[in-house]
C-alpha atoms as a PDB file:
ATOM      1  CA  ASP A   1      24.521  30.119  15.417  1.00  0.00           C
ATOM      2  CA  PHE A   2      22.094  27.507  16.691  1.00  0.00           C
ATOM      3  CA  LEU A   3      21.472  26.238  13.178  1.00  0.00           C
ATOM      4  CA  TYR A   4      25.048  25.963  12.197  1.00  0.00           C
ATOM      5  CA  GLY A   5      26.718  25.206  15.487  1.00  0.00           C
ATOM      6  CA  GLU A   6      27.418  21.963  17.298  1.00  0.00           C
ATOM      7  CA  VAL A   7      23.755  21.023  17.408  1.00  0.00           C
ATOM      8  CA  GLY A   8      23.835  20.782  13.683  1.00  0.00           C
ATOM      9  CA  PHE A   9      25.863  17.619  13.955  1.00  0.00           C
ATOM     10  CA  ASN A  10      23.431  15.893  16.295  1.00  0.00           C
ATOM     11  CA  ARG A  11      20.151  14.240  15.464  1.00  0.00           C
ATOM     12  CA  ILE A  12      17.258  16.677  15.888  1.00  0.00           C
ATOM     13  CA  SER A  13      13.598  15.914  16.094  1.00  0.00           C
ATOM     14  CA  ILE A  14      11.396  16.537  13.108  1.00  0.00           C
ATOM     15  CA  GLU A  15       9.394  19.122  14.987  1.00  0.00           C
ATOM     16  CA  ASP A  16      12.514  21.108  15.895  1.00  0.00           C
ATOM     17  CA  ILE A  17      13.677  21.039  12.320  1.00  0.00           C
ATOM     18  CA  VAL A  18      10.283  22.279  11.147  1.00  0.00           C
ATOM     19  CA  LYS A  19      10.359  25.125  13.691  1.00  0.00           C
ATOM     20  CA  ASN A  20      13.854  26.201  12.639  1.00  0.00           C
ATOM     21  CA  LEU A  21      13.017  26.087   8.889  1.00  0.00           C
ATOM     22  CA  SER A  22       9.750  27.935   9.544  1.00  0.00           C
ATOM     23  CA  SER A  23      11.663  30.680  11.347  1.00  0.00           C
ATOM     24  CA  ILE A  24      14.174  30.966   8.472  1.00  0.00           C
ATOM     25  CA  ALA A  25      11.383  31.098   5.907  1.00  0.00           C
ATOM     26  CA  LYS A  26       9.642  33.885   7.788  1.00  0.00           C
ATOM     27  CA  LYS A  27      12.867  35.911   7.999  1.00  0.00           C
ATOM     28  CA  GLU A  28      13.514  35.445   4.270  1.00  0.00           C
ATOM     29  CA  GLY A  29       9.958  36.225   3.288  1.00  0.00           C
ATOM     30  CA  ILE A  30       9.396  32.726   1.897  1.00  0.00           C
ATOM     31  CA  SER A  31       5.929  31.160   1.882  1.00  0.00           C
ATOM     32  CA  ILE A  32       5.938  27.460   2.652  1.00  0.00           C
ATOM     33  CA  ASP A  33       3.259  25.200   4.123  1.00  0.00           C
ATOM     34  CA  GLN A  34       3.644  22.845   7.083  1.00  0.00           C
ATOM     35  CA  ASP A  35       3.376  19.712   4.893  1.00  0.00           C
ATOM     36  CA  SER A  36       6.336  20.828   2.818  1.00  0.00           C
ATOM     37  CA  LEU A  37       8.387  21.572   6.000  1.00  0.00           C
ATOM     38  CA  HIS A  38       7.690  18.088   7.324  1.00  0.00           C
ATOM     39  CA  VAL A  39       8.717  16.490   4.008  1.00  0.00           C
ATOM     40  CA  ILE A  40      12.058  18.355   4.179  1.00  0.00           C
ATOM     41  CA  ALA A  41      12.528  17.388   7.852  1.00  0.00           C
ATOM     42  CA  GLN A  42      11.699  13.768   7.314  1.00  0.00           C
ATOM     43  CA  LYS A  43      14.023  13.477   4.317  1.00  0.00           C
ATOM     44  CA  ALA A  44      16.809  15.164   6.300  1.00  0.00           C
ATOM     45  CA  ASP A  45      16.499  12.265   8.840  1.00  0.00           C
ATOM     46  CA  GLY A  46      17.404  14.334  11.925  1.00  0.00           C
ATOM     47  CA  ALA A  47      20.330  16.274  10.343  1.00  0.00           C
ATOM     48  CA  MET A  48      19.776  20.071  10.478  1.00  0.00           C
ATOM     49  CA  ARG A  49      22.487  20.745   7.980  1.00  0.00           C
ATOM     50  CA  ASP A  50      20.817  18.384   5.478  1.00  0.00           C
ATOM     51  CA  ALA A  51      17.515  20.001   6.124  1.00  0.00           C
ATOM     52  CA  LEU A  52      18.999  23.425   5.262  1.00  0.00           C
ATOM     53  CA  THR A  53      20.477  22.063   2.077  1.00  0.00           C
ATOM     54  CA  LEU A  54      17.131  20.566   1.012  1.00  0.00           C
ATOM     55  CA  PHE A  55      15.372  23.820   1.937  1.00  0.00           C
ATOM     56  CA  ASP A  56      17.804  25.745  -0.208  1.00  0.00           C
ATOM     57  CA  GLN A  57      17.063  23.369  -3.110  1.00  0.00           C
ATOM     58  CA  CYS A  58      13.371  24.079  -2.804  1.00  0.00           C
ATOM     59  CA  VAL A  59      13.958  27.804  -2.736  1.00  0.00           C
ATOM     60  CA  ALA A  60      16.267  27.603  -5.831  1.00  0.00           C
ATOM     61  CA  PHE A  61      13.558  25.755  -7.843  1.00  0.00           C
ATOM     62  CA  CYS A  62      10.400  27.324  -6.393  1.00  0.00           C
ATOM     63  CA  GLY A  63      11.393  30.807  -5.412  1.00  0.00           C
ATOM     64  CA  LYS A  64       9.424  32.553  -2.654  1.00  0.00           C
ATOM     65  CA  GLU A  65       6.346  30.376  -3.013  1.00  0.00           C
ATOM     66  CA  ILE A  66       6.983  26.732  -2.002  1.00  0.00           C
ATOM     67  CA  THR A  67       4.080  24.289  -2.225  1.00  0.00           C
ATOM     68  CA  TYR A  68       3.783  20.710  -1.182  1.00  0.00           C
ATOM     69  CA  GLU A  69       3.463  19.510  -4.811  1.00  0.00           C
ATOM     70  CA  ARG A  70       6.611  21.342  -5.835  1.00  0.00           C
ATOM     71  CA  THR A  71       8.482  20.155  -2.741  1.00  0.00           C
ATOM     72  CA  ILE A  72       7.955  16.458  -3.375  1.00  0.00           C
ATOM     73  CA  GLU A  73       8.810  16.994  -7.016  1.00  0.00           C
ATOM     74  CA  VAL A  74      12.082  18.758  -6.305  1.00  0.00           C
ATOM     75  CA  LEU A  75      13.116  16.340  -3.540  1.00  0.00           C
ATOM     76  CA  ASN A  76      11.929  13.266  -5.493  1.00  0.00           C
ATOM     77  CA  VAL A  77       9.622  12.160  -2.676  1.00  0.00           C
ATOM     78  CA  LEU A  78       6.633   9.935  -3.362  1.00  0.00           C
ATOM     79  CA  ASP A  79       3.326  11.559  -2.511  1.00  0.00           C
ATOM     80  CA  SER A  80       1.937  10.049   0.690  1.00  0.00           C
ATOM     81  CA  ASP A  81      -1.491   9.981  -0.937  1.00  0.00           C
ATOM     82  CA  TYR A  82      -0.357   6.846  -2.776  1.00  0.00           C
ATOM     83  CA  TYR A  83       0.035   5.013   0.509  1.00  0.00           C
ATOM     84  CA  PHE A  84      -3.293   6.125   1.831  1.00  0.00           C
ATOM     85  CA  GLN A  85      -4.939   4.938  -1.392  1.00  0.00           C
ATOM     86  CA  LEU A  86      -3.123   1.579  -1.232  1.00  0.00           C
ATOM     87  CA  VAL A  87      -4.482   0.851   2.211  1.00  0.00           C
ATOM     88  CA  ASP A  88      -8.013   1.731   1.001  1.00  0.00           C
ATOM     89  CA  HIS A  89      -7.618  -0.675  -1.937  1.00  0.00           C
ATOM     90  CA  ALA A  90      -6.379  -3.407   0.394  1.00  0.00           C
ATOM     91  CA  LEU A  91      -9.248  -2.938   2.802  1.00  0.00           C
ATOM     92  CA  HIS A  92     -11.681  -3.216  -0.078  1.00  0.00           C
ATOM     93  CA  HIS A  93      -9.851  -6.272  -1.455  1.00  0.00           C
ATOM     94  CA  ASP A  94      -9.316  -4.386  -4.728  1.00  0.00           C
ATOM     95  CA  VAL A  95      -6.434  -6.166  -6.336  1.00  0.00           C
ATOM     96  CA  SER A  96      -6.789  -4.538  -9.732  1.00  0.00           C
ATOM     97  CA  ASN A  97      -6.474  -0.960  -8.457  1.00  0.00           C
ATOM     98  CA  ALA A  98      -3.658  -1.917  -6.146  1.00  0.00           C
ATOM     99  CA  LEU A  99      -1.669  -3.234  -9.078  1.00  0.00           C
ATOM    100  CA  LEU A 100      -2.498  -0.220 -11.167  1.00  0.00           C
ATOM    101  CA  LEU A 101      -1.377   2.045  -8.384  1.00  0.00           C
ATOM    102  CA  LEU A 102       2.030   0.276  -8.311  1.00  0.00           C
ATOM    103  CA  ASN A 103       2.290   0.662 -12.089  1.00  0.00           C
ATOM    104  CA  ASP A 104       1.564   4.392 -11.748  1.00  0.00           C
ATOM    105  CA  VAL A 105       4.298   4.750  -9.126  1.00  0.00           C
ATOM    106  CA  LEU A 106       6.860   2.967 -11.356  1.00  0.00           C
ATOM    107  CA  ASN A 107       5.820   5.054 -14.357  1.00  0.00           C
ATOM    108  CA  HIS A 108       6.617   8.209 -12.328  1.00  0.00           C
ATOM    109  CA  GLY A 109      10.196   6.984 -12.037  1.00  0.00           C
ATOM    110  CA  PHE A 110      10.156   5.743  -8.459  1.00  0.00           C
ATOM    111  CA  ASP A 111      11.960   2.535  -7.488  1.00  0.00           C
ATOM    112  CA  ALA A 112       9.831  -0.355  -6.281  1.00  0.00           C
ATOM    113  CA  ALA A 113      12.144  -0.920  -3.314  1.00  0.00           C
ATOM    114  CA  GLN A 114      11.641   2.688  -2.250  1.00  0.00           C
ATOM    115  CA  PHE A 115       7.918   2.257  -2.574  1.00  0.00           C
ATOM    116  CA  VAL A 116       7.967  -0.836  -0.368  1.00  0.00           C
ATOM    117  CA  VAL A 117      10.044   0.830   2.362  1.00  0.00           C
ATOM    118  CA  GLY A 118       7.821   3.936   2.258  1.00  0.00           C
ATOM    119  CA  PHE A 119       4.683   1.798   2.533  1.00  0.00           C
ATOM    120  CA  ALA A 120       6.074  -0.045   5.572  1.00  0.00           C
ATOM    121  CA  GLN A 121       6.708   3.325   7.183  1.00  0.00           C
ATOM    122  CA  HIS A 122       3.123   4.336   6.372  1.00  0.00           C
ATOM    123  CA  LEU A 123       1.750   1.174   7.997  1.00  0.00           C
ATOM    124  CA  ARG A 124       3.826   1.890  11.046  1.00  0.00           C
ATOM    125  CA  ASP A 125       2.379   5.386  11.228  1.00  0.00           C
ATOM    126  CA  VAL A 126      -1.113   3.971  10.967  1.00  0.00           C
ATOM    127  CA  LEU A 127      -0.366   1.647  13.814  1.00  0.00           C
ATOM    128  CA  VAL A 128       0.894   4.332  16.141  1.00  0.00           C
ATOM    129  CA  SER A 129      -2.174   6.427  15.264  1.00  0.00           C
ATOM    130  CA  LYS A 130      -4.383   3.678  16.823  1.00  0.00           C
ATOM    131  CA  ASP A 131      -3.485   4.613  20.376  1.00  0.00           C
ATOM    132  CA  VAL A 132      -3.346   8.056  21.990  1.00  0.00           C
ATOM    133  CA  GLN A 133      -0.310   6.942  23.984  1.00  0.00           C
ATOM    134  CA  THR A 134       1.725   6.247  20.869  1.00  0.00           C
ATOM    135  CA  LEU A 135       0.291   9.114  18.828  1.00  0.00           C
ATOM    136  CA  PRO A 136       3.203  11.450  19.767  1.00  0.00           C
ATOM    137  CA  LEU A 137       5.492   9.068  17.793  1.00  0.00           C
ATOM    138  CA  LEU A 138       3.778  10.268  14.630  1.00  0.00           C
ATOM    139  CA  GLU A 139       5.963  13.169  13.428  1.00  0.00           C
ATOM    140  CA  THR A 140       3.928  14.904  10.717  1.00  0.00           C
ATOM    141  CA  SER A 141       1.763  17.959  10.133  1.00  0.00           C
ATOM    142  CA  ASP A 142      -1.674  18.300  11.736  1.00  0.00           C
ATOM    143  CA  ALA A 143      -3.408  17.824   8.362  1.00  0.00           C
ATOM    144  CA  ILE A 144      -1.624  14.546   7.650  1.00  0.00           C
ATOM    145  CA  ARG A 145      -2.045  13.445  11.273  1.00  0.00           C
ATOM    146  CA  GLN A 146      -5.856  13.763  10.879  1.00  0.00           C
ATOM    147  CA  ARG A 147      -5.675  11.542   7.720  1.00  0.00           C
ATOM    148  CA  TYR A 148      -3.726   8.937   9.690  1.00  0.00           C
ATOM    149  CA  ALA A 149      -6.233   9.001  12.524  1.00  0.00           C
ATOM    150  CA  ALA A 150      -9.131   8.549  10.086  1.00  0.00           C
ATOM    151  CA  GLN A 151      -7.428   5.613   8.329  1.00  0.00           C
ATOM    152  CA  ALA A 152      -6.340   4.023  11.631  1.00  0.00           C
ATOM    153  CA  ALA A 153      -9.984   3.959  12.660  1.00  0.00           C
ATOM    154  CA  GLN A 154     -10.747   1.761   9.644  1.00  0.00           C
ATOM    155  CA  CYS A 155      -7.917  -0.766  10.332  1.00  0.00           C
ATOM    156  CA  ALA A 156      -8.026  -3.463  12.890  1.00  0.00           C
ATOM    157  CA  PRO A 157      -4.779  -3.968  14.796  1.00  0.00           C
ATOM    158  CA  LEU A 158      -4.451  -7.554  13.578  1.00  0.00           C
ATOM    159  CA  TRP A 159      -4.857  -6.361   9.981  1.00  0.00           C
ATOM    160  CA  ILE A 160      -1.995  -3.853  10.370  1.00  0.00           C
ATOM    161  CA  PHE A 161       0.239  -6.521  11.972  1.00  0.00           C
ATOM    162  CA  GLN A 162      -0.370  -8.920   9.140  1.00  0.00           C
ATOM    163  CA  ALA A 163       0.123  -6.192   6.530  1.00  0.00           C
ATOM    164  CA  LEU A 164       3.439  -5.149   8.150  1.00  0.00           C
ATOM    165  CA  ASP A 165       4.558  -8.767   8.049  1.00  0.00           C
ATOM    166  CA  ILE A 166       3.705  -9.120   4.363  1.00  0.00           C
ATOM    167  CA  VAL A 167       5.508  -5.837   3.413  1.00  0.00           C
ATOM    168  CA  ASN A 168       8.537  -6.692   5.590  1.00  0.00           C
ATOM    169  CA  THR A 169       8.847 -10.106   3.965  1.00  0.00           C
ATOM    170  CA  CYS A 170       8.563  -8.470   0.569  1.00  0.00           C
ATOM    171  CA  ASP A 171      11.368  -6.074   1.460  1.00  0.00           C
ATOM    172  CA  ILE A 172      13.595  -8.984   2.454  1.00  0.00           C
ATOM    173  CA  ASN A 173      12.828 -11.077  -0.643  1.00  0.00           C
ATOM    174  CA  TYR A 174      13.115  -8.125  -2.974  1.00  0.00           C
ATOM    175  CA  ARG A 175      16.887  -7.932  -2.558  1.00  0.00           C
ATOM    176  CA  THR A 176      17.432 -11.404  -3.984  1.00  0.00           C
ATOM    177  CA  ALA A 177      14.414 -11.755  -6.257  1.00  0.00           C
ATOM    178  CA  ARG A 178      15.067 -12.194  -9.981  1.00  0.00           C
ATOM    179  CA  ASN A 179      11.688 -10.711 -10.905  1.00  0.00           C
ATOM    180  CA  LYS A 180      11.547  -7.794  -8.538  1.00  0.00           C
ATOM    181  CA  ARG A 181       8.335  -6.309  -9.828  1.00  0.00           C
ATOM    182  CA  LEU A 182       6.491  -9.587  -9.497  1.00  0.00           C
ATOM    183  CA  THR A 183       7.706  -9.921  -5.898  1.00  0.00           C
ATOM    184  CA  VAL A 184       6.028  -6.601  -5.055  1.00  0.00           C
ATOM    185  CA  GLU A 185       2.901  -7.428  -7.014  1.00  0.00           C
ATOM    186  CA  LEU A 186       2.485 -10.722  -5.162  1.00  0.00           C
ATOM    187  CA  ALA A 187       2.807  -8.872  -1.852  1.00  0.00           C
ATOM    188  CA  LEU A 188       0.059  -6.490  -2.932  1.00  0.00           C
ATOM    189  CA  VAL A 189      -2.194  -9.396  -3.905  1.00  0.00           C
ATOM    190  CA  LYS A 190      -1.611 -11.010  -0.472  1.00  0.00           C
ATOM    191  CA  LEU A 191      -2.361  -7.659   1.160  1.00  0.00           C
ATOM    192  CA  CYS A 192      -5.673  -7.400  -0.662  1.00  0.00           C
ATOM    193  CA  GLN A 193      -6.573 -10.934   0.375  1.00  0.00           C
ATOM    194  CA  LEU A 194      -6.319 -10.200   4.121  1.00  0.00           C
ATOM    195  CA  GLY A 195      -9.643 -10.728   5.777  1.00  0.00           C
ATOM    196  CA  VAL A 196     -11.094 -12.633   2.849  1.00  0.00           C
ATOM    197  CA  ALA A 197     -12.747 -15.774   4.127  1.00  0.00           C
ATOM    198  CA  ALA A 198     -11.340 -18.905   2.544  1.00  0.00           C
ATOM    199  CA  GLN A 199     -13.970 -20.585   0.301  1.00  0.00           C
ATOM    200  CA  PRO A 200     -14.261 -24.250   1.214  1.00  0.00           C
ATOM    201  CA  MET A 201     -13.764 -26.639  -1.659  1.00  0.00           C
ATOM    202  CA  GLN A 202     -16.979 -28.260  -2.837  1.00  0.00           C
ATOM    203  CA  PRO A 203     -16.857 -32.078  -2.784  1.00  0.00           C
ATOM    204  CA  VAL A 204     -16.784 -33.630  -6.183  1.00  0.00           C
ATOM    205  CA  GLN A 205     -20.089 -35.397  -6.935  1.00  0.00           C
ATOM    206  CA  PRO A 206     -19.606 -38.838  -8.444  1.00  0.00           C
ATOM    207  CA  VAL A 207     -20.966 -39.100 -11.993  1.00  0.00           C
ATOM    208  CA  GLN A 208     -24.047 -41.300 -12.003  1.00  0.00           C
ATOM    209  CA  PRO A 209     -24.014 -43.761 -14.909  1.00  0.00           C
ATOM    210  CA  VAL A 210     -26.852 -43.357 -17.387  1.00  0.00           C
ATOM    211  CA  LYS A 211     -29.263 -46.200 -17.105  1.00  0.00           C
ATOM    212  CA  THR A 212     -29.904 -47.932 -20.376  1.00  0.00           C
ATOM    213  CA  ALA A 213     -32.107 -50.820 -21.192  1.00  0.00           C
ATOM    214  CA  SER A 214     -30.457 -54.243 -21.419  1.00  0.00           C
ATOM    215  CA  PRO A 215     -30.045 -55.537 -25.007  1.00  0.00           C
ATOM    216  CA  VAL A 216     -31.679 -58.754 -23.967  1.00  0.00           C
ATOM    217  CA  LYS A 217     -34.732 -56.983 -22.631  1.00  0.00           C
ATOM    218  CA  GLU A 218     -34.946 -54.870 -25.722  1.00  0.00           C
ATOM    219  CA  SER A 219     -34.932 -58.010 -27.950  1.00  0.00           C
ATOM    220  CA  VAL A 220     -37.724 -59.494 -25.851  1.00  0.00           C
ATOM    221  CA  LYS A 221     -39.801 -56.296 -26.311  1.00  0.00           C
ATOM    222  CA  GLU A 222     -39.314 -56.436 -30.104  1.00  0.00           C
ATOM    223  CA  SER A 223     -40.448 -60.103 -30.185  1.00  0.00           C
ATOM    224  CA  VAL A 224     -43.596 -59.220 -28.255  1.00  0.00           C
ATOM    225  CA  LYS A 225     -44.392 -56.390 -30.694  1.00  0.00           C
ATOM    226  CA  GLU A 226     -43.939 -58.693 -33.679  1.00  0.00           C
ATOM    227  CA  SER A 227     -46.193 -61.345 -32.224  1.00  0.00           C
ATOM    228  CA  VAL A 228     -48.915 -58.769 -31.624  1.00  0.00           C
ATOM    229  CA  LYS A 229     -48.773 -57.654 -35.248  1.00  0.00           C
ATOM    230  CA  GLU A 230     -49.281 -61.250 -36.628  1.00  0.00           C
ATOM    231  CA  PRO A 231     -52.930 -62.245 -37.317  1.00  0.00           C
ATOM    232  CA  VAL A 232     -54.466 -64.971 -35.216  1.00  0.00           C
ATOM    233  CA  LYS A 233     -54.931 -68.190 -37.257  1.00  0.00           C
END
């Protein structure tokens, strides 16, 4: 009654949704990992009824054994590993692999706008993982929480703020951009350039003119040579 009653119409925390789905799975003899439950809960966005619908979809496609890989495939959710990799590429100023990662995401049928929004959420989660006081705001499994903590330790707060600003601006510009893919690619390039010291322009050295002998002086030298060759009378 709790799952289908009045509470089902209110927004529920991800942790409560996970607990409810875990209880249902145990009663039904369904094996499902915590990462999969959190994916379902996050996609349900606080609606228990939606979470139950998504859970039923996973059961229909996966049967009694539900894995994380199958869950994100059934629910068309982008693997969070892409976002972790992208941050690593950006921290190493690796533009090439960042662009190749975007290409791989698009080749898997995901929309670039969806990718940008998801990455913004990922950066937000990295930010809240920097401080123990905001860590409770990170609603995910223990395994993923550890990955966030490890990545947050590698990111300076200023870097995260600047990265969020770049991604947020990309999200705004994307809606009106004529070349949408290029808009995202430019954002990734800017992201990979964060922290790169600007190379000062080298002053242009003036071209020194080549010194050549004066024609007059040359003619004088030739006259001297000729006079030396003539016999003395």
